[in-house]
Amino acid sequence: PITLPAGVKISEVNGVVTVEGPKGKLTRTLNPIMNIKVDGSVVAVNRPDDSLKAVSLHGLTRTLVNNMVVGVTTGFTKSA
């Protein structure tokens, strides 16, 4: 699960996830087989079955949503 920091809002409508935070707003269309459930300040990404495609998309989708949350809270940083 992904924990949302204070001040971050997430919504999912028809496979389009929108994350809003202090640094801006990000929107992304995700694969329709993945289920995203928002429960308070916790976001859970669930897969429909244990097929190879579903398992691969599960990890990708979770990472994409987490990166969106990080992007609207801390923004982009470049380390040397």
C-alpha atoms as a PDB file:
ATOM      1  CA  PRO A   1       0.000   0.000   0.000  1.00  0.00           C
ATOM      2  CA  ILE A   2       0.925   3.629  -0.558  1.00  0.00           C
ATOM      3  CA  THR A   3       0.490   6.087   2.313  1.00  0.00           C
ATOM      4  CA  LEU A   4      -0.621   9.555   1.256  1.00  0.00           C
ATOM      5  CA  PRO A   5       1.109  12.459   3.021  1.00  0.00           C
ATOM      6  CA  ALA A   6      -0.973  15.299   4.442  1.00  0.00           C
ATOM      7  CA  GLY A   7      -2.250  17.656   1.769  1.00  0.00           C
ATOM      8  CA  VAL A   8      -2.301  15.064  -1.029  1.00  0.00           C
ATOM      9  CA  LYS A   9      -5.562  14.073  -2.715  1.00  0.00           C
ATOM     10  CA  ILE A  10      -5.971  11.165  -5.117  1.00  0.00           C
ATOM     11  CA  SER A  11      -8.921  10.215  -7.285  1.00  0.00           C
ATOM     12  CA  GLU A  12      -9.542   7.505  -9.868  1.00  0.00           C
ATOM     13  CA  VAL A  13     -12.254   7.767 -12.523  1.00  0.00           C
ATOM     14  CA  ASN A  14     -12.504   5.264 -15.393  1.00  0.00           C
ATOM     15  CA  GLY A  15      -8.844   4.253 -15.145  1.00  0.00           C
ATOM     16  CA  VAL A  16      -7.543   7.830 -14.971  1.00  0.00           C
ATOM     17  CA  VAL A  17      -5.700   8.594 -11.728  1.00  0.00           C
ATOM     18  CA  THR A  18      -5.273  12.190 -10.599  1.00  0.00           C
ATOM     19  CA  VAL A  19      -2.965  13.138  -7.744  1.00  0.00           C
ATOM     20  CA  GLU A  20      -2.992  16.693  -6.365  1.00  0.00           C
ATOM     21  CA  GLY A  21      -0.544  18.076  -3.853  1.00  0.00           C
ATOM     22  CA  PRO A  22       1.389  21.181  -2.822  1.00  0.00           C
ATOM     23  CA  LYS A  23       3.729  20.988  -5.859  1.00  0.00           C
ATOM     24  CA  GLY A  24       1.024  20.534  -8.496  1.00  0.00           C
ATOM     25  CA  LYS A  25      -1.292  18.057 -10.148  1.00  0.00           C
ATOM     26  CA  LEU A  26      -0.453  14.873 -12.085  1.00  0.00           C
ATOM     27  CA  THR A  27      -2.790  12.752 -14.205  1.00  0.00           C
ATOM     28  CA  ARG A  28      -2.148   9.341 -15.744  1.00  0.00           C
ATOM     29  CA  THR A  29      -4.233   6.713 -17.520  1.00  0.00           C
ATOM     30  CA  LEU A  30      -3.561   3.257 -16.109  1.00  0.00           C
ATOM     31  CA  ASN A  31      -4.230  -0.191 -17.497  1.00  0.00           C
ATOM     32  CA  PRO A  32      -7.944  -0.999 -17.049  1.00  0.00           C
ATOM     33  CA  ILE A  33      -7.369  -4.442 -15.516  1.00  0.00           C
ATOM     34  CA  MET A  34      -5.761  -2.949 -12.405  1.00  0.00           C
ATOM     35  CA  ASN A  35      -7.994  -1.959  -9.479  1.00  0.00           C
ATOM     36  CA  ILE A  36      -7.086   1.055  -7.364  1.00  0.00           C
ATOM     37  CA  LYS A  37      -8.759   1.487  -3.987  1.00  0.00           C
ATOM     38  CA  VAL A  38      -8.417   4.655  -1.924  1.00  0.00           C
ATOM     39  CA  ASP A  39      -9.226   4.244   1.755  1.00  0.00           C
ATOM     40  CA  GLY A  40      -8.580   7.449   3.672  1.00  0.00           C
ATOM     41  CA  SER A  41      -4.842   8.121   3.433  1.00  0.00           C
ATOM     42  CA  VAL A  42      -3.942   4.681   2.054  1.00  0.00           C
ATOM     43  CA  VAL A  43      -3.971   3.657  -1.616  1.00  0.00           C
ATOM     44  CA  ALA A  44      -3.997  -0.027  -2.529  1.00  0.00           C
ATOM     45  CA  VAL A  45      -3.366  -1.417  -6.013  1.00  0.00           C
ATOM     46  CA  ASN A  46      -4.969  -4.816  -6.559  1.00  0.00           C
ATOM     47  CA  ARG A  47      -4.642  -7.270  -9.423  1.00  0.00           C
ATOM     48  CA  PRO A  48      -7.503  -9.429 -10.722  1.00  0.00           C
ATOM     49  CA  ASP A  49      -5.540 -12.712 -10.835  1.00  0.00           C
ATOM     50  CA  ASP A  50      -2.022 -14.167 -10.688  1.00  0.00           C
ATOM     51  CA  SER A  51      -1.345 -14.266 -14.430  1.00  0.00           C
ATOM     52  CA  LEU A  52       2.061 -13.088 -15.617  1.00  0.00           C
ATOM     53  CA  LYS A  53       0.587  -9.952 -17.201  1.00  0.00           C
ATOM     54  CA  ALA A  54      -1.390  -9.046 -14.078  1.00  0.00           C
ATOM     55  CA  VAL A  55       1.616  -9.563 -11.787  1.00  0.00           C
ATOM     56  CA  SER A  56       3.818  -7.404 -14.025  1.00  0.00           C
ATOM     57  CA  LEU A  57       1.228  -4.632 -14.274  1.00  0.00           C
ATOM     58  CA  HIS A  58       0.641  -4.737 -10.522  1.00  0.00           C
ATOM     59  CA  GLY A  59       4.205  -3.735  -9.722  1.00  0.00           C
ATOM     60  CA  LEU A  60       4.321  -1.165 -12.508  1.00  0.00           C
ATOM     61  CA  THR A  61       1.033   0.442 -11.503  1.00  0.00           C
ATOM     62  CA  ARG A  62       2.012   0.638  -7.844  1.00  0.00           C
ATOM     63  CA  THR A  63       5.328   2.263  -8.754  1.00  0.00           C
ATOM     64  CA  LEU A  64       3.707   4.773 -11.123  1.00  0.00           C
ATOM     65  CA  VAL A  65       1.153   5.861  -8.517  1.00  0.00           C
ATOM     66  CA  ASN A  66       3.836   6.120  -5.820  1.00  0.00           C
ATOM     67  CA  ASN A  67       6.021   8.227  -8.132  1.00  0.00           C
ATOM     68  CA  MET A  68       3.061  10.537  -8.762  1.00  0.00           C
ATOM     69  CA  VAL A  69       2.604  10.989  -5.001  1.00  0.00           C
ATOM     70  CA  VAL A  70       6.314  11.739  -4.565  1.00  0.00           C
ATOM     71  CA  GLY A  71       6.203  14.155  -7.503  1.00  0.00           C
ATOM     72  CA  VAL A  72       3.426  16.310  -6.047  1.00  0.00           C
ATOM     73  CA  THR A  73       5.005  16.373  -2.571  1.00  0.00           C
ATOM     74  CA  THR A  74       8.790  16.667  -2.986  1.00  0.00           C
ATOM     75  CA  GLY A  75       9.057  17.425  -6.695  1.00  0.00           C
ATOM     76  CA  PHE A  76      11.948  16.580  -8.966  1.00  0.00           C
ATOM     77  CA  THR A  77      15.439  16.416  -7.498  1.00  0.00           C
ATOM     78  CA  LYS A  78      18.696  15.631  -9.257  1.00  0.00           C
ATOM     79  CA  SER A  79      21.524  14.104  -7.278  1.00  0.00           C
ATOM     80  CA  ALA A  80      25.122  14.150  -8.401  1.00  0.00           C
END
